[in-house]
Amino acid sequence: MPDLQRRELLVQGSAALAAIAVLYASRRAYAFPKQVGEEVIPWLDQPTENPDPVGIQKQLVWEDLDSWITPNDKFFSISHFNRPTIDEKTWSMEIGGLVKKPLKLTLADIRARPRQEVVFTVECSGNHGFPFFTGGIGNARWAGTPLAPILEEAGVLEKGIEVVFFGTDTGEVPIRDVKMQQNFARSMSLADAMNPDNLLCYEMNGTALPAANGFPVRLIAPGWYGIANVKWLKRIEVRDTRFMSLLMARDYVTIREEDHNGETVWTETSVGRALIKSAPAKVTRKDSDYTIIGAAWGAPIDRVEVQVDQGPWAPATIDHSEEAEHAWKIWSLDWANPSPGEHMVTSRAVSTTGQIQPAMDDPLIAKKHTYWESNGQVTRRVRV
């Protein structure tokens, strides 16, 4: 707080401090916790039935969003192959490939290293890409040890440019006429892997990683879509070429049409860093007062705007009581005197650099022919 403001508060006395305390408390209370007598108005457009309850588990129910941190027992989980059962006593992880000193680390070895925490909102890049998949997101406090010092200790050779993360989970992958058993694997450049925020993570919200979320150790790469945050880690390997596995080069690839001087060019890009996004979470009613509450994430958020029934965009209030660089921001908008009947509610986030969450008719979305990276504006329907 600047000195001038501090002196003004001293002059104005305890009455001003009390007023500020009341204002701060009300600002914190507009979204969480739920107010006495507050009712959640259910959305009319509920997700369709999940066709893969084994692969996709515990999707976020937006109307139930009532905390900044998503509890472990409500955190979504996705598996592309099997869901391995791992004994921490016999588990170990290798760091090899183009390194001077290959390493083999047990869970105890990793826990003995310097501990670091990050609050990070993880979203699956397919979230909102299917009618049944709208809750592939959660915000947690992850803890582990930084990856970069371990790679430095192993000593990456000059030729090493790519770091591949292999999971314990396996599945049969058909490629043309060949069927092969593969481990889940994703990669990133050496420069990206050396980001000091990246963790070999063994804790989630203060407890050991749940089995469904990567026990005993997973990669946490803040700012990247969920697919890059490899669970059930088994091996980290440094290579001298880009890694073209199923989940890097053939699946989790976004296909778009782009216009180049009047010519349509088709592009294919591997899903990587998260994109700016927001979504309305719920509409609440207390007596005759209505409030729209939601979240925004994927980039440093400057503001969120809300539109009702194709009307003007209105600025939402962002809750700053809980904040972290890589975590979602909770926002709300007082909805004054909505008319009885059905309404459409849309939100859009704007980053600190001016990037705007695209509308569904924006070429970035409209000319995208895959469901990955579905960060278009989310519209929900509600009846009041």
Protein backbone atom coordinates (compact mmCIF):
# COMPACT_ATOMS: atom_id res chain seq x y z
CA MET A 1 0.00 0.00 0.00
CA PRO A 2 1.50 3.39 -0.95
CA ASP A 3 2.59 5.67 1.93
CA LEU A 4 0.00 8.32 1.02
CA GLN A 5 -2.84 5.84 1.30
CA ARG A 6 -1.44 4.53 4.57
CA ARG A 7 -1.35 8.07 6.07
CA GLU A 8 -4.91 8.76 4.88
CA LEU A 9 -6.15 5.64 6.65
CA LEU A 10 -4.45 6.69 9.86
CA VAL A 11 -6.08 10.12 9.66
CA GLN A 12 -9.54 8.78 8.87
CA GLY A 13 -9.39 6.41 11.82
CA SER A 14 -11.04 3.19 12.79
CA ALA A 15 -14.37 3.97 11.12
CA ALA A 16 -12.74 3.94 7.69
CA LEU A 17 -10.91 0.72 8.52
CA ALA A 18 -14.16 -0.90 9.56
CA ALA A 19 -15.83 0.19 6.34
CA ILE A 20 -12.98 -1.24 4.28
CA ALA A 21 -13.19 -4.50 6.20
CA VAL A 22 -16.89 -4.78 5.40
CA LEU A 23 -16.23 -4.00 1.73
CA TYR A 24 -13.44 -6.59 1.56
CA ALA A 25 -15.59 -9.22 3.21
CA SER A 26 -18.44 -8.61 0.78
CA ARG A 27 -16.06 -8.77 -2.15
CA ARG A 28 -14.81 -12.15 -0.98
CA ALA A 29 -18.33 -13.44 -0.39
CA TYR A 30 -19.88 -12.69 -3.77
CA ALA A 31 -18.94 -16.11 -5.15
CA PHE A 32 -17.65 -18.29 -2.32
CA PRO A 33 -18.80 -19.44 0.12
CA LYS A 34 -22.43 -19.94 -0.76
CA GLN A 35 -24.66 -17.41 0.97
CA VAL A 36 -27.48 -18.48 3.28
CA GLY A 37 -30.68 -18.73 1.27
CA GLU A 38 -28.83 -18.70 -2.06
CA GLU A 39 -30.22 -21.00 -4.76
CA VAL A 40 -28.40 -22.26 -7.85
CA ILE A 41 -30.51 -22.09 -11.01
CA PRO A 42 -29.57 -25.17 -13.10
CA TRP A 43 -28.48 -24.72 -16.69
CA LEU A 44 -30.91 -25.95 -19.31
CA ASP A 45 -28.13 -27.26 -21.57
CA GLN A 46 -26.71 -30.06 -19.44
CA PRO A 47 -23.92 -32.26 -20.86
CA THR A 48 -25.02 -35.41 -22.65
CA GLU A 49 -24.21 -38.85 -21.24
CA ASN A 50 -20.50 -39.64 -21.04
CA PRO A 51 -19.80 -42.54 -23.44
CA ASP A 52 -16.44 -43.34 -21.81
CA PRO A 53 -16.90 -43.42 -18.01
CA VAL A 54 -13.67 -45.40 -17.57
CA GLY A 55 -11.45 -43.08 -19.60
CA ILE A 56 -13.11 -39.83 -18.48
CA GLN A 57 -13.91 -39.58 -14.78
CA LYS A 58 -15.14 -36.94 -12.30
CA GLN A 59 -15.85 -34.10 -14.69
CA LEU A 60 -16.40 -30.75 -13.01
CA VAL A 61 -20.09 -30.00 -12.50
CA TRP A 62 -20.07 -26.27 -13.10
CA GLU A 63 -23.13 -25.56 -10.94
CA ASP A 64 -21.28 -27.17 -8.00
CA LEU A 65 -18.26 -24.86 -8.29
CA ASP A 66 -17.96 -23.49 -4.75
CA SER A 67 -14.23 -23.18 -4.08
CA TRP A 68 -11.11 -21.82 -5.75
CA ILE A 69 -9.29 -25.11 -5.16
CA THR A 70 -10.90 -28.24 -6.62
CA PRO A 71 -10.96 -31.04 -4.01
CA ASN A 72 -9.12 -34.22 -4.95
CA ASP A 73 -12.29 -36.31 -4.84
CA LYS A 74 -13.90 -33.99 -7.40
CA PHE A 75 -10.93 -33.53 -9.73
CA PHE A 76 -11.33 -34.81 -13.28
CA SER A 77 -9.18 -37.66 -14.56
CA ILE A 78 -8.49 -38.93 -18.07
CA SER A 79 -6.71 -42.08 -19.18
CA HIS A 80 -5.85 -42.85 -22.79
CA PHE A 81 -4.62 -46.38 -22.15
CA ASN A 82 -4.92 -48.42 -18.96
CA ARG A 83 -4.96 -47.03 -15.40
CA PRO A 84 -1.89 -48.62 -13.81
CA THR A 85 -1.65 -49.76 -10.21
CA ILE A 86 1.80 -48.82 -8.93
CA ASP A 87 3.60 -49.92 -5.76
CA GLU A 88 5.54 -46.90 -4.48
CA LYS A 89 8.00 -49.19 -2.68
CA THR A 90 9.25 -50.71 -5.92
CA TRP A 91 8.63 -47.73 -8.23
CA SER A 92 11.51 -45.79 -9.70
CA MET A 93 12.00 -43.39 -12.59
CA GLU A 94 14.87 -43.28 -15.07
CA ILE A 95 16.41 -40.16 -16.60
CA GLY A 96 18.42 -41.18 -19.63
CA GLY A 97 19.04 -40.77 -23.32
CA LEU A 98 21.47 -38.06 -24.34
CA VAL A 99 22.79 -37.30 -20.87
CA LYS A 100 26.25 -37.59 -19.30
CA LYS A 101 25.05 -39.28 -16.13
CA PRO A 102 21.87 -41.38 -16.32
CA LEU A 103 19.85 -41.30 -13.10
CA LYS A 104 17.42 -43.65 -11.41
CA LEU A 105 15.28 -42.04 -8.72
CA THR A 106 12.96 -43.62 -6.19
CA LEU A 107 10.03 -41.79 -4.64
CA ALA A 108 12.14 -41.25 -1.51
CA ASP A 109 14.91 -39.74 -3.65
CA ILE A 110 12.49 -37.30 -5.24
CA ARG A 111 10.86 -36.38 -1.92
CA ALA A 112 14.30 -35.69 -0.43
CA ARG A 113 14.97 -32.97 -2.99
CA PRO A 114 13.89 -29.32 -2.59
CA ARG A 115 10.11 -28.99 -2.43
CA GLN A 116 8.19 -26.49 -4.56
CA GLU A 117 4.49 -25.73 -4.89
CA VAL A 118 2.39 -24.25 -7.67
CA VAL A 119 -1.33 -23.60 -7.96
CA PHE A 120 -2.25 -24.52 -11.51
CA THR A 121 -5.55 -24.90 -13.34
CA VAL A 122 -5.32 -27.97 -15.56
CA GLU A 123 -7.68 -28.22 -18.52
CA CYS A 124 -7.97 -31.00 -21.08
CA SER A 125 -7.60 -29.50 -24.56
CA GLY A 126 -10.74 -31.39 -25.61
CA ASN A 127 -12.86 -29.68 -22.94
CA HIS A 128 -16.00 -28.22 -24.57
CA GLY A 129 -15.10 -30.08 -27.75
CA PHE A 130 -17.88 -32.64 -27.27
CA PRO A 131 -21.45 -32.28 -25.94
CA PHE A 132 -20.63 -34.75 -23.15
CA PHE A 133 -17.28 -33.22 -22.22
CA THR A 134 -17.61 -29.81 -20.57
CA GLY A 135 -15.99 -30.43 -17.17
CA GLY A 136 -12.43 -31.45 -18.02
CA ILE A 137 -10.87 -28.82 -15.77
CA GLY A 138 -9.77 -28.34 -12.17
CA ASN A 139 -7.56 -26.13 -10.03
CA ALA A 140 -5.17 -27.69 -7.51
CA ARG A 141 -2.13 -26.96 -5.37
CA TRP A 142 0.57 -29.25 -6.73
CA ALA A 143 3.82 -29.98 -4.91
CA GLY A 144 7.00 -31.74 -5.91
CA THR A 145 10.58 -31.02 -6.86
CA PRO A 146 11.67 -28.88 -9.82
CA LEU A 147 12.58 -30.82 -12.95
CA ALA A 148 15.31 -28.48 -14.25
CA PRO A 149 17.92 -29.23 -11.54
CA ILE A 150 17.53 -32.96 -12.18
CA LEU A 151 18.15 -32.50 -15.89
CA GLU A 152 21.14 -30.32 -15.03
CA GLU A 153 22.47 -33.02 -12.72
CA ALA A 154 22.09 -35.63 -15.46
CA GLY A 155 23.98 -33.33 -17.81
CA VAL A 156 22.16 -32.99 -21.14
CA LEU A 157 24.56 -33.51 -24.04
CA GLU A 158 24.95 -30.86 -26.72
CA LYS A 159 22.89 -32.84 -29.22
CA GLY A 160 19.93 -33.12 -26.83
CA ILE A 161 17.04 -30.91 -27.96
CA GLU A 162 13.90 -32.85 -26.97
CA VAL A 163 12.74 -34.23 -23.62
CA VAL A 164 10.29 -37.14 -23.72
CA PHE A 165 8.12 -38.10 -20.74
CA PHE A 166 6.93 -41.71 -20.66
CA GLY A 167 4.07 -42.88 -18.46
CA THR A 168 3.61 -46.34 -16.99
CA ASP A 169 0.24 -46.66 -18.74
CA THR A 170 0.30 -48.69 -21.96
CA GLY A 171 -2.00 -49.52 -24.84
CA GLU A 172 -2.03 -51.14 -28.26
CA VAL A 173 -1.50 -48.59 -31.01
CA PRO A 174 -2.28 -49.52 -34.64
CA ILE A 175 -0.30 -47.68 -37.33
CA ARG A 176 -1.12 -48.77 -40.85
CA ASP A 177 -0.63 -52.55 -40.77
CA VAL A 178 1.48 -52.56 -37.61
CA LYS A 179 0.14 -53.00 -34.09
CA MET A 180 2.42 -52.11 -31.22
CA GLN A 181 2.30 -51.84 -27.46
CA GLN A 182 3.25 -48.31 -26.46
CA ASN A 183 3.60 -46.35 -23.27
CA PHE A 184 1.80 -43.04 -23.05
CA ALA A 185 4.39 -40.44 -24.06
CA ARG A 186 4.56 -36.72 -24.65
CA SER A 187 7.52 -34.44 -25.27
CA MET A 188 8.61 -30.81 -25.24
CA SER A 189 11.72 -28.95 -26.26
CA LEU A 190 14.66 -28.88 -23.88
CA ALA A 191 14.11 -25.14 -23.37
CA ASP A 192 10.48 -25.73 -22.38
CA ALA A 193 11.40 -28.65 -20.11
CA MET A 194 13.91 -26.44 -18.26
CA ASN A 195 11.20 -23.99 -17.18
CA PRO A 196 11.69 -23.55 -13.42
CA ASP A 197 7.93 -23.96 -12.82
CA ASN A 198 7.91 -27.57 -14.08
CA LEU A 199 7.63 -30.12 -11.28
CA LEU A 200 8.06 -33.81 -10.74
CA CYS A 201 4.89 -33.76 -8.66
CA TYR A 202 4.02 -36.15 -5.83
CA GLU A 203 1.40 -34.15 -3.89
CA MET A 204 -1.99 -32.72 -4.76
CA ASN A 205 -3.73 -30.37 -2.35
CA GLY A 206 -1.52 -31.44 0.54
CA THR A 207 -1.83 -35.21 0.15
CA ALA A 208 -0.19 -37.88 -1.99
CA LEU A 209 -1.30 -37.86 -5.60
CA PRO A 210 -4.49 -39.90 -6.05
CA ALA A 211 -4.03 -42.96 -8.23
CA ALA A 212 -6.30 -41.49 -10.89
CA ASN A 213 -4.23 -38.31 -11.07
CA GLY A 214 -0.81 -39.86 -11.55
CA PHE A 215 0.43 -41.54 -8.36
CA PRO A 216 3.22 -41.75 -7.38
CA VAL A 217 4.80 -39.04 -9.59
CA ARG A 218 3.57 -37.03 -12.54
CA LEU A 219 4.78 -34.06 -14.54
CA ILE A 220 3.18 -30.71 -13.78
CA ALA A 221 3.93 -28.18 -16.53
CA PRO A 222 2.05 -24.97 -15.64
CA GLY A 223 0.60 -23.20 -18.66
CA TRP A 224 0.24 -26.36 -20.76
CA TYR A 225 -2.87 -28.34 -21.59
CA GLY A 226 -3.50 -31.47 -19.54
CA ILE A 227 -2.16 -33.84 -22.19
CA ALA A 228 1.37 -32.49 -21.62
CA ASN A 229 1.20 -33.10 -17.86
CA VAL A 230 2.14 -36.77 -18.07
CA LYS A 231 0.80 -39.00 -15.28
CA TRP A 232 2.31 -42.17 -13.75
CA LEU A 233 5.83 -41.22 -14.86
CA LYS A 234 8.22 -44.05 -15.69
CA ARG A 235 11.06 -42.58 -17.72
CA ILE A 236 12.39 -39.23 -18.94
CA GLU A 237 14.53 -39.42 -22.05
CA VAL A 238 16.54 -36.74 -23.86
CA ARG A 239 16.68 -37.08 -27.65
CA ASP A 240 18.26 -35.28 -30.59
CA THR A 241 15.14 -35.21 -32.78
CA ARG A 242 11.50 -34.21 -32.34
CA PHE A 243 9.40 -37.02 -30.88
CA MET A 244 6.54 -38.12 -33.16
CA SER A 245 4.41 -40.50 -31.10
CA LEU A 246 0.69 -41.17 -31.33
CA LEU A 247 -0.14 -38.36 -28.91
CA MET A 248 2.28 -35.84 -30.42
CA ALA A 249 2.00 -36.22 -34.17
CA ARG A 250 -1.15 -38.18 -35.01
CA ASP A 251 -3.60 -37.51 -32.18
CA TYR A 252 -3.92 -34.29 -30.18
CA VAL A 253 -3.24 -32.47 -33.43
CA THR A 254 -5.32 -29.41 -34.31
CA ILE A 255 -6.27 -29.04 -37.97
CA ARG A 256 -7.26 -25.60 -39.24
CA GLU A 257 -7.94 -23.82 -42.50
CA GLU A 258 -5.93 -20.65 -42.94
CA ASP A 259 -6.24 -17.99 -45.62
CA HIS A 260 -2.99 -17.10 -47.38
CA ASN A 261 -3.61 -14.40 -50.00
CA GLY A 262 -6.96 -15.91 -50.96
CA GLU A 263 -5.68 -19.47 -50.96
CA THR A 264 -6.84 -21.97 -48.34
CA VAL A 265 -3.95 -23.67 -46.57
CA TRP A 266 -4.53 -26.52 -44.14
CA THR A 267 -2.32 -26.53 -41.05
CA GLU A 268 -1.69 -29.23 -38.44
CA THR A 269 -0.23 -28.30 -35.07
CA SER A 270 0.44 -30.40 -31.98
CA VAL A 271 -1.54 -29.36 -28.91
CA GLY A 272 0.73 -27.69 -26.39
CA ARG A 273 0.25 -24.55 -24.34
CA ALA A 274 -3.16 -23.66 -22.96
CA LEU A 275 -5.22 -20.92 -24.61
CA ILE A 276 -7.19 -18.11 -23.01
CA LYS A 277 -10.68 -19.15 -21.99
CA SER A 278 -13.58 -18.50 -19.63
CA ALA A 279 -16.93 -20.09 -18.91
CA PRO A 280 -20.07 -19.22 -16.96
CA ALA A 281 -20.24 -21.62 -14.02
CA LYS A 282 -23.64 -20.94 -12.50
CA VAL A 283 -26.46 -18.50 -11.92
CA THR A 284 -27.52 -17.97 -8.33
CA ARG A 285 -30.60 -16.37 -6.84
CA LYS A 286 -31.02 -14.94 -3.36
CA ASP A 287 -34.44 -13.41 -2.80
CA SER A 288 -34.88 -11.33 -5.98
CA ASP A 289 -31.16 -10.86 -6.66
CA TYR A 290 -29.45 -12.85 -9.42
CA THR A 291 -25.70 -13.32 -9.89
CA ILE A 292 -23.74 -14.91 -12.74
CA ILE A 293 -20.52 -16.59 -11.57
CA GLY A 294 -17.75 -18.11 -13.66
CA ALA A 295 -14.03 -18.68 -14.13
CA ALA A 296 -11.31 -17.54 -16.53
CA TRP A 297 -7.91 -19.13 -17.19
CA GLY A 298 -5.26 -20.03 -19.77
CA ALA A 299 -3.48 -16.65 -19.84
CA PRO A 300 -2.82 -13.68 -17.54
CA ILE A 301 -6.38 -12.32 -17.25
CA ASP A 302 -7.01 -8.59 -17.42
CA ARG A 303 -10.81 -8.67 -17.42
CA VAL A 304 -13.87 -10.78 -18.14
CA GLU A 305 -16.98 -9.57 -19.92
CA VAL A 306 -20.45 -11.12 -19.89
CA GLN A 307 -23.21 -10.94 -22.45
CA VAL A 308 -26.85 -11.84 -21.87
CA ASP A 309 -29.14 -12.50 -24.85
CA GLN A 310 -26.93 -10.79 -27.44
CA GLY A 311 -27.00 -7.59 -25.40
CA PRO A 312 -24.00 -5.36 -24.67
CA TRP A 313 -20.92 -6.83 -23.03
CA ALA A 314 -20.81 -5.99 -19.32
CA PRO A 315 -17.63 -6.04 -17.19
CA ALA A 316 -17.58 -8.74 -14.53
CA THR A 317 -15.94 -8.36 -11.12
CA ILE A 318 -12.86 -10.51 -10.61
CA ASP A 319 -12.27 -11.93 -7.13
CA HIS A 320 -8.68 -11.11 -6.14
CA SER A 321 -8.88 -12.75 -2.71
CA GLU A 322 -7.31 -15.95 -4.08
CA GLU A 323 -4.76 -15.58 -6.85
CA ALA A 324 -1.84 -17.41 -8.42
CA GLU A 325 -0.06 -16.93 -11.72
CA HIS A 326 -1.23 -20.20 -13.28
CA ALA A 327 -4.63 -20.50 -11.58
CA TRP A 328 -8.09 -19.58 -12.80
CA LYS A 329 -9.74 -16.37 -11.70
CA ILE A 330 -13.27 -16.44 -10.35
CA TRP A 331 -15.56 -13.68 -11.59
CA SER A 332 -19.14 -12.57 -11.03
CA LEU A 333 -21.73 -10.20 -12.43
CA ASP A 334 -24.84 -8.92 -10.69
CA TRP A 335 -27.76 -9.62 -13.04
CA ALA A 336 -30.36 -6.97 -12.34
CA ASN A 337 -34.05 -7.69 -12.94
CA PRO A 338 -33.86 -10.51 -15.52
CA SER A 339 -37.15 -10.99 -17.31
CA PRO A 340 -38.95 -14.30 -16.71
CA GLY A 341 -38.15 -16.95 -19.30
CA GLU A 342 -35.12 -18.45 -21.03
CA HIS A 343 -31.86 -16.53 -21.42
CA MET A 344 -28.42 -17.09 -22.97
CA VAL A 345 -25.31 -16.23 -20.96
CA THR A 346 -21.91 -15.89 -22.66
CA SER A 347 -18.53 -14.89 -21.24
CA ARG A 348 -15.27 -13.82 -22.79
CA ALA A 349 -11.88 -13.31 -21.19
CA VAL A 350 -9.36 -10.66 -22.20
CA SER A 351 -5.68 -11.11 -21.41
CA THR A 352 -3.27 -8.50 -20.10
CA THR A 353 -1.83 -8.28 -23.63
CA GLY A 354 -5.24 -7.61 -25.19
CA GLN A 355 -5.92 -11.09 -26.51
CA ILE A 356 -9.67 -11.80 -26.57
CA GLN A 357 -11.25 -15.22 -26.16
CA PRO A 358 -12.60 -15.90 -29.67
CA ALA A 359 -16.27 -16.06 -30.58
CA MET A 360 -17.56 -19.29 -32.06
CA ASP A 361 -17.71 -17.67 -35.52
CA ASP A 362 -14.12 -16.41 -35.30
CA PRO A 363 -11.98 -18.14 -37.97
CA LEU A 364 -9.75 -19.50 -35.19
CA ILE A 365 -12.72 -21.60 -34.09
CA ALA A 366 -14.99 -21.77 -37.13
CA LYS A 367 -12.18 -23.00 -39.39
CA LYS A 368 -10.87 -25.51 -36.85
CA HIS A 369 -11.77 -29.06 -37.89
CA THR A 370 -10.78 -30.91 -34.72
CA TYR A 371 -12.17 -30.69 -31.21
CA TRP A 372 -8.84 -29.95 -29.50
CA GLU A 373 -8.05 -26.45 -28.22
CA SER A 374 -11.74 -25.57 -27.98
CA ASN A 375 -11.37 -22.17 -26.36
CA GLY A 376 -14.28 -20.44 -28.10
CA GLN A 377 -16.71 -18.38 -26.05
CA VAL A 378 -18.98 -20.60 -23.96
CA THR A 379 -22.72 -19.88 -23.99
CA ARG A 380 -25.09 -21.42 -21.45
CA ARG A 381 -28.90 -21.36 -21.34
CA VAL A 382 -30.89 -20.71 -18.18
CA ARG A 383 -34.53 -20.12 -17.29
CA VAL A 384 -35.48 -17.61 -14.59
